[in-house]
Amino acid sequence: MKSLLLGAAMAALLVPAALAQSGTGPDAAMMEAPGRYLVFFPWSKAVLTEDDQRVIGEAVAEFKRTGVARIDVTGFTDTSGSPAYNLRLSERRAEMVAAELERQGVARADMIVTGRGQEDLRIPTADNVREAGNRRVEIVFAVPAPEPAPVAEAPAPTPAEIKEAVPRLGLTLGALYGHNFGEKDESGSNSEKQNDLAGLELTFDAVPGRLVDLALKQAVLYSFNGEEDGINGRTGLALGLKPFDLGAIQPYLHANAGYLYGSGVQDGFVAGPELGFNIGLSPATLLNAKVAWDHQFRNADFDRGILWAGVGLGYRF
């Protein structure tokens, strides 16, 4: 019975050592990472098993697939034995793997084959320690990083779309017609005087905005059908509100304030609302139509002002 127990104990001690020396244990040839393969060796030997040849074949296939031009083959040993012996042994192991790589299709000119003895231990140990994990040849080559998956990109905006994304300055030149429903004359009498005014008006969108804008207006007019005909002008400032955007059509409301002067009218301040809309003909041009009312501050009655109507062509820049 004692002999049986002693034999079992000896077997338990010898089996792990035999596995470590043969290279068939957990440190058998393997791919450690893409582009990095390890081939392990028995103690003090430089031989290859069928499993080693299979793993080397996998390394060859991946090397050819990557298309890189260099493969490093580097041999190592454990710390048992002298440093000089270990260096020679590591070189023999590296040459053994290089020969198998060449047999399976890798050109020798593509390999850098070296032996480093007991340097760079994979598993740190003291001197004179047999460690199967350190008895190896490393096959290393670069593996290009995978290309990122394509990301769908929105089409680049056209120059016209870029301009439309930002409110733009504009000039509008149009025909303007007005009817003056009457005002007090210079003598202060209550007699009503009516006349008509017609001409051109230039509008400059000085501070454009998506909801509110500010515009400068200058009209050159001719007064007729009144007691005194002649050239006159209307200079004003307009604060605009654009509450709706209907695509190509954009209605707006202006609050006008300005000064009327020249022949056929009595000089004075005017103010009132303007209702209109712009129709986009292209990204840069528009058609404008509007009606407006000017209250003349010389008159107490609001209904004795000037009714205006106009159409114009505008350009954005």
Protein backbone atom coordinates (compact mmCIF):
# COMPACT_ATOMS: atom_id res chain seq x y z
CA MET A 1 0.00 0.00 0.00
CA LYS A 2 2.86 2.36 0.87
CA SER A 3 4.46 1.64 -2.49
CA LEU A 4 1.21 2.49 -4.28
CA LEU A 5 0.82 5.83 -2.48
CA LEU A 6 4.46 6.74 -3.09
CA GLY A 7 4.11 5.97 -6.79
CA ALA A 8 1.02 8.17 -7.09
CA ALA A 9 2.78 11.06 -5.38
CA MET A 10 5.78 10.80 -7.72
CA ALA A 11 3.49 10.79 -10.76
CA ALA A 12 1.73 13.94 -9.54
CA LEU A 13 5.08 15.70 -9.27
CA LEU A 14 6.48 14.53 -12.62
CA VAL A 15 3.47 15.12 -14.93
CA PRO A 16 3.50 18.98 -14.74
CA ALA A 17 7.26 19.02 -15.29
CA ALA A 18 6.95 16.79 -18.32
CA LEU A 19 4.23 18.98 -19.79
CA ALA A 20 6.30 22.12 -19.28
CA GLN A 21 9.36 20.54 -20.92
CA SER A 22 7.46 19.19 -23.91
CA GLY A 23 5.64 22.42 -24.75
CA THR A 24 2.25 20.67 -24.92
CA GLY A 25 0.92 22.31 -21.78
CA PRO A 26 -0.87 25.65 -21.52
CA ASP A 27 2.06 27.40 -23.25
CA ALA A 28 1.68 25.60 -26.59
CA ALA A 29 2.01 27.60 -29.83
CA MET A 30 -0.67 30.25 -30.11
CA MET A 31 -1.72 33.63 -31.51
CA GLU A 32 -1.31 36.07 -28.64
CA ALA A 33 -2.78 39.00 -30.59
CA PRO A 34 -3.33 39.93 -34.25
CA GLY A 35 0.11 40.03 -35.82
CA ARG A 36 1.77 38.37 -32.80
CA TYR A 37 2.30 34.59 -32.61
CA LEU A 38 4.23 32.53 -30.03
CA VAL A 39 5.88 29.13 -30.57
CA PHE A 40 7.10 27.34 -27.41
CA PHE A 41 9.91 24.76 -27.11
CA PRO A 42 10.92 21.92 -24.84
CA TRP A 43 13.78 22.54 -22.48
CA SER A 44 17.14 22.84 -24.26
CA LYS A 45 15.67 21.91 -27.67
CA ALA A 46 14.83 23.56 -31.00
CA VAL A 47 12.19 21.33 -32.57
CA LEU A 48 8.72 21.95 -33.95
CA THR A 49 5.56 19.94 -33.42
CA GLU A 50 2.61 19.62 -35.81
CA ASP A 51 0.70 22.13 -33.66
CA ASP A 52 3.61 24.54 -34.00
CA GLN A 53 3.54 24.17 -37.79
CA ARG A 54 -0.21 24.77 -37.84
CA VAL A 55 0.10 28.01 -35.82
CA ILE A 56 3.00 29.13 -38.02
CA GLY A 57 0.74 28.51 -41.03
CA GLU A 58 -1.89 30.79 -39.48
CA ALA A 59 0.79 33.45 -39.05
CA VAL A 60 1.79 33.09 -42.71
CA ALA A 61 -1.81 33.46 -43.87
CA GLU A 62 -2.35 36.62 -41.81
CA PHE A 63 1.01 38.07 -42.88
CA LYS A 64 0.09 37.67 -46.54
CA ARG A 65 -3.39 39.08 -45.92
CA THR A 66 -2.05 42.27 -44.32
CA GLY A 67 0.36 42.97 -47.19
CA VAL A 68 3.08 44.34 -44.87
CA ALA A 69 6.70 43.97 -45.97
CA ARG A 70 8.45 42.83 -42.77
CA ILE A 71 8.09 40.01 -40.26
CA ASP A 72 10.23 39.76 -37.09
CA VAL A 73 11.25 36.30 -35.87
CA THR A 74 12.92 36.47 -32.43
CA GLY A 75 14.04 33.54 -30.26
CA PHE A 76 14.20 33.43 -26.44
CA THR A 77 15.11 30.98 -23.66
CA ASP A 78 14.52 30.60 -19.97
CA THR A 79 17.27 31.33 -17.41
CA SER A 80 18.53 27.77 -17.03
CA GLY A 81 21.99 27.35 -18.57
CA SER A 82 24.70 29.92 -19.25
CA PRO A 83 23.89 33.20 -21.05
CA ALA A 84 26.19 32.25 -23.98
CA TYR A 85 24.51 28.85 -24.41
CA ASN A 86 21.06 30.41 -24.15
CA LEU A 87 21.90 32.97 -26.85
CA ARG A 88 22.97 30.24 -29.29
CA LEU A 89 19.89 28.17 -28.42
CA SER A 90 17.57 31.14 -29.01
CA GLU A 91 19.17 31.71 -32.43
CA ARG A 92 18.66 28.04 -33.37
CA ARG A 93 15.02 28.26 -32.36
CA ALA A 94 14.51 31.46 -34.37
CA GLU A 95 16.17 29.85 -37.43
CA MET A 96 13.94 26.79 -37.04
CA VAL A 97 10.78 28.93 -37.13
CA ALA A 98 12.15 31.06 -39.99
CA ALA A 99 12.77 27.92 -42.05
CA GLU A 100 9.17 26.81 -41.48
CA LEU A 101 7.87 30.27 -42.41
CA GLU A 102 9.89 30.11 -45.63
CA ARG A 103 8.63 26.59 -46.36
CA GLN A 104 5.06 27.87 -46.05
CA GLY A 105 5.57 30.79 -48.43
CA VAL A 106 7.23 33.76 -46.67
CA ALA A 107 10.30 35.08 -48.50
CA ARG A 108 13.45 35.04 -46.42
CA ALA A 109 14.12 38.61 -47.53
CA ASP A 110 10.95 39.68 -45.70
CA MET A 111 12.20 38.27 -42.35
CA ILE A 112 14.44 39.70 -39.66
CA VAL A 113 15.66 36.71 -37.66
CA THR A 114 17.40 37.22 -34.28
CA GLY A 115 18.08 35.42 -31.00
CA ARG A 116 18.04 37.22 -27.68
CA GLY A 117 18.76 34.39 -25.25
CA GLN A 118 17.36 34.95 -21.79
CA GLU A 119 16.55 38.64 -22.32
CA ASP A 120 12.97 39.91 -22.09
CA LEU A 121 11.54 37.12 -20.01
CA ARG A 122 7.85 36.63 -20.67
CA ILE A 123 7.47 35.27 -17.14
CA PRO A 124 9.99 36.88 -14.73
CA THR A 125 12.08 34.29 -12.85
CA ALA A 126 15.37 34.06 -10.99
CA ASP A 127 18.51 32.63 -12.66
CA ASN A 128 18.70 28.93 -13.41
CA VAL A 129 14.94 28.45 -13.48
CA ARG A 130 13.29 26.23 -16.09
CA GLU A 131 10.18 28.09 -17.24
CA ALA A 132 8.29 26.81 -20.32
CA GLY A 133 6.64 30.20 -20.83
CA ASN A 134 10.04 31.78 -21.56
CA ARG A 135 11.27 29.16 -24.06
CA ARG A 136 9.71 30.67 -27.16
CA VAL A 137 10.00 32.29 -30.57
CA GLU A 138 7.90 35.38 -31.24
CA ILE A 139 6.56 35.98 -34.78
CA VAL A 140 5.58 39.66 -34.99
CA PHE A 141 4.39 41.85 -37.87
CA ALA A 142 2.32 44.99 -38.19
CA VAL A 143 -1.41 44.64 -38.68
CA PRO A 144 -3.08 47.73 -40.21
CA ALA A 145 -5.88 49.13 -38.10
CA PRO A 146 -9.31 48.36 -39.54
CA GLU A 147 -10.82 51.18 -41.51
CA PRO A 148 -13.67 52.87 -39.67
CA ALA A 149 -17.12 52.20 -40.99
CA PRO A 150 -18.20 54.92 -43.40
CA VAL A 151 -20.41 57.54 -41.84
CA ALA A 152 -23.20 58.90 -43.92
CA GLU A 153 -22.67 62.62 -44.34
CA ALA A 154 -25.21 65.20 -45.23
CA PRO A 155 -24.57 66.73 -48.65
CA ALA A 156 -22.58 69.94 -48.52
CA PRO A 157 -24.82 72.99 -48.77
CA THR A 158 -24.74 74.86 -52.04
CA PRO A 159 -23.60 78.52 -52.09
CA ALA A 160 -27.22 79.56 -52.50
CA GLU A 161 -28.26 77.53 -49.44
CA ILE A 162 -25.43 79.02 -47.39
CA LYS A 163 -26.59 82.52 -48.29
CA GLU A 164 -30.20 81.65 -47.49
CA ALA A 165 -29.18 80.34 -44.06
CA VAL A 166 -28.10 83.83 -42.97
CA PRO A 167 -30.32 86.96 -43.27
CA ARG A 168 -28.92 89.13 -46.03
CA LEU A 169 -28.82 92.83 -46.82
CA GLY A 170 -31.10 93.95 -49.59
CA LEU A 171 -32.08 96.80 -51.87
CA THR A 172 -35.58 97.22 -53.31
CA LEU A 173 -36.47 99.77 -55.99
CA GLY A 174 -40.12 100.24 -56.76
CA ALA A 175 -42.90 102.47 -58.05
CA LEU A 176 -44.86 104.34 -55.36
CA TYR A 177 -48.22 106.04 -55.69
CA GLY A 178 -50.04 108.01 -53.00
CA HIS A 179 -53.22 110.02 -52.53
CA ASN A 180 -53.26 112.84 -50.02
CA PHE A 181 -56.76 113.07 -48.50
CA GLY A 182 -56.27 116.60 -47.25
CA GLU A 183 -54.47 118.74 -44.74
CA LYS A 184 -54.67 122.18 -43.26
CA ASP A 185 -53.19 124.87 -45.42
CA GLU A 186 -50.54 127.26 -44.21
CA SER A 187 -53.14 129.87 -43.31
CA GLY A 188 -54.59 127.54 -40.71
CA SER A 189 -57.99 127.27 -42.35
CA ASN A 190 -59.90 124.01 -42.27
CA SER A 191 -60.25 123.79 -46.05
CA GLU A 192 -59.24 120.38 -47.33
CA LYS A 193 -56.66 120.10 -50.05
CA GLN A 194 -56.19 116.80 -51.90
CA ASN A 195 -53.54 115.83 -54.41
CA ASP A 196 -51.72 112.77 -55.83
CA LEU A 197 -48.08 111.80 -55.59
CA ALA A 198 -46.16 109.33 -57.77
CA GLY A 199 -42.54 108.35 -58.17
CA LEU A 200 -39.82 105.91 -57.14
CA GLU A 201 -38.80 104.62 -53.70
CA LEU A 202 -35.53 102.94 -52.74
CA THR A 203 -35.55 100.70 -49.63
CA PHE A 204 -32.34 99.48 -47.98
CA ASP A 205 -32.60 96.56 -45.53
CA ALA A 206 -29.94 97.91 -43.19
CA VAL A 207 -30.39 95.38 -40.33
CA PRO A 208 -31.96 92.20 -41.77
CA GLY A 209 -33.36 89.55 -39.47
CA ARG A 210 -35.54 86.46 -39.55
CA LEU A 211 -38.28 87.99 -37.37
CA VAL A 212 -37.50 91.73 -37.05
CA ASP A 213 -35.62 94.03 -39.40
CA LEU A 214 -34.77 97.69 -39.82
CA ALA A 215 -34.94 99.49 -43.18
CA LEU A 216 -34.14 102.94 -44.55
CA LYS A 217 -36.47 104.42 -47.22
CA GLN A 218 -36.07 107.27 -49.64
CA ALA A 219 -38.74 108.29 -52.16
CA VAL A 220 -38.54 110.88 -54.94
CA LEU A 221 -42.08 111.91 -55.97
CA TYR A 222 -44.01 114.29 -58.16
CA SER A 223 -47.13 115.99 -56.80
CA PHE A 224 -50.04 116.62 -59.20
CA ASN A 225 -53.82 117.24 -59.22
CA GLY A 226 -53.35 119.74 -56.42
CA GLU A 227 -53.00 123.47 -55.96
CA GLU A 228 -49.19 123.33 -56.35
CA ASP A 229 -47.52 120.63 -58.47
CA GLY A 230 -43.84 119.79 -58.24
CA ILE A 231 -41.03 117.52 -57.01
CA ASN A 232 -41.03 116.39 -53.41
CA GLY A 233 -39.47 113.71 -51.25
CA ARG A 234 -40.25 111.29 -48.44
CA THR A 235 -37.44 110.06 -46.18
CA GLY A 236 -38.19 107.45 -43.54
CA LEU A 237 -37.17 104.67 -41.23
CA ALA A 238 -39.12 101.42 -40.93
CA LEU A 239 -39.11 98.84 -38.15
CA GLY A 240 -40.37 95.55 -39.59
CA LEU A 241 -41.97 92.45 -38.18
CA LYS A 242 -42.06 89.19 -40.22
CA PRO A 243 -44.34 86.86 -38.23
CA PHE A 244 -44.84 84.24 -40.95
CA ASP A 245 -42.55 82.50 -43.38
CA LEU A 246 -44.59 80.78 -46.09
CA GLY A 247 -41.64 79.63 -48.15
CA ALA A 248 -41.45 81.73 -51.29
CA ILE A 249 -43.96 84.22 -49.86
CA GLN A 250 -43.10 86.25 -46.78
CA PRO A 251 -45.64 88.76 -45.43
CA TYR A 252 -44.45 91.60 -43.21
CA LEU A 253 -45.68 94.56 -41.18
CA HIS A 254 -43.70 97.82 -41.02
CA ALA A 255 -44.01 100.78 -38.69
CA ASN A 256 -42.93 103.77 -40.78
CA ALA A 257 -41.74 107.12 -39.48
CA GLY A 258 -40.29 109.91 -41.59
CA TYR A 259 -40.50 113.38 -43.07
CA LEU A 260 -42.37 114.64 -46.16
CA TYR A 261 -41.09 117.74 -47.93
CA GLY A 262 -41.05 119.66 -51.24
CA SER A 263 -43.49 121.19 -53.72
CA GLY A 264 -47.15 120.21 -53.57
CA VAL A 265 -47.01 119.17 -49.91
CA GLN A 266 -46.56 120.88 -46.61
CA ASP A 267 -43.32 119.87 -44.94
CA GLY A 268 -43.80 117.82 -41.83
CA PHE A 269 -43.39 114.54 -39.96
CA VAL A 270 -45.43 111.48 -40.94
CA ALA A 271 -45.85 108.05 -39.40
CA GLY A 272 -48.02 104.99 -39.90
CA PRO A 273 -48.28 101.28 -40.71
CA GLU A 274 -47.29 99.43 -43.86
CA LEU A 275 -48.52 95.97 -44.83
CA GLY A 276 -46.80 94.04 -47.61
CA PHE A 277 -45.27 90.79 -48.77
CA ASN A 278 -42.17 89.68 -50.61
CA ILE A 279 -42.26 86.91 -53.21
CA GLY A 280 -38.96 85.13 -53.82
CA LEU A 281 -38.23 84.91 -57.52
CA SER A 282 -34.78 83.38 -56.97
CA PRO A 283 -32.32 83.11 -54.05
CA ALA A 284 -31.17 86.67 -54.85
CA THR A 285 -34.25 88.47 -56.20
CA LEU A 286 -37.75 89.18 -54.94
CA LEU A 287 -40.95 90.94 -55.92
CA ASN A 288 -42.47 93.35 -53.39
CA ALA A 289 -46.03 94.65 -53.09
CA LYS A 290 -47.35 96.88 -50.30
CA VAL A 291 -49.91 99.39 -49.03
CA ALA A 292 -49.24 102.01 -46.35
CA TRP A 293 -50.85 104.88 -44.48
CA ASP A 294 -49.08 108.06 -43.38
CA HIS A 295 -50.61 110.18 -40.65
CA GLN A 296 -49.51 113.80 -41.01
CA PHE A 297 -48.83 115.27 -37.60
CA ARG A 298 -49.96 118.73 -38.75
CA ASN A 299 -53.49 117.32 -38.92
CA ALA A 300 -55.45 116.31 -35.89
CA ASP A 301 -57.69 113.95 -37.86
CA PHE A 302 -56.16 110.56 -38.57
CA ASP A 303 -58.32 110.08 -41.71
CA ARG A 304 -56.73 113.08 -43.47
CA GLY A 305 -53.43 111.34 -44.21
CA ILE A 306 -51.85 109.80 -47.28
CA LEU A 307 -52.70 106.33 -48.63
CA TRP A 308 -49.80 104.67 -50.46
CA ALA A 309 -49.50 101.66 -52.75
CA GLY A 310 -46.41 100.31 -54.41
CA VAL A 311 -44.64 97.47 -56.18
CA GLY A 312 -40.92 96.91 -56.49
CA LEU A 313 -38.09 94.55 -57.39
CA GLY A 314 -35.53 93.67 -54.73
CA TYR A 315 -32.03 92.20 -54.69
CA ARG A 316 -30.32 90.45 -51.74
CA PHE A 317 -26.57 90.43 -51.29
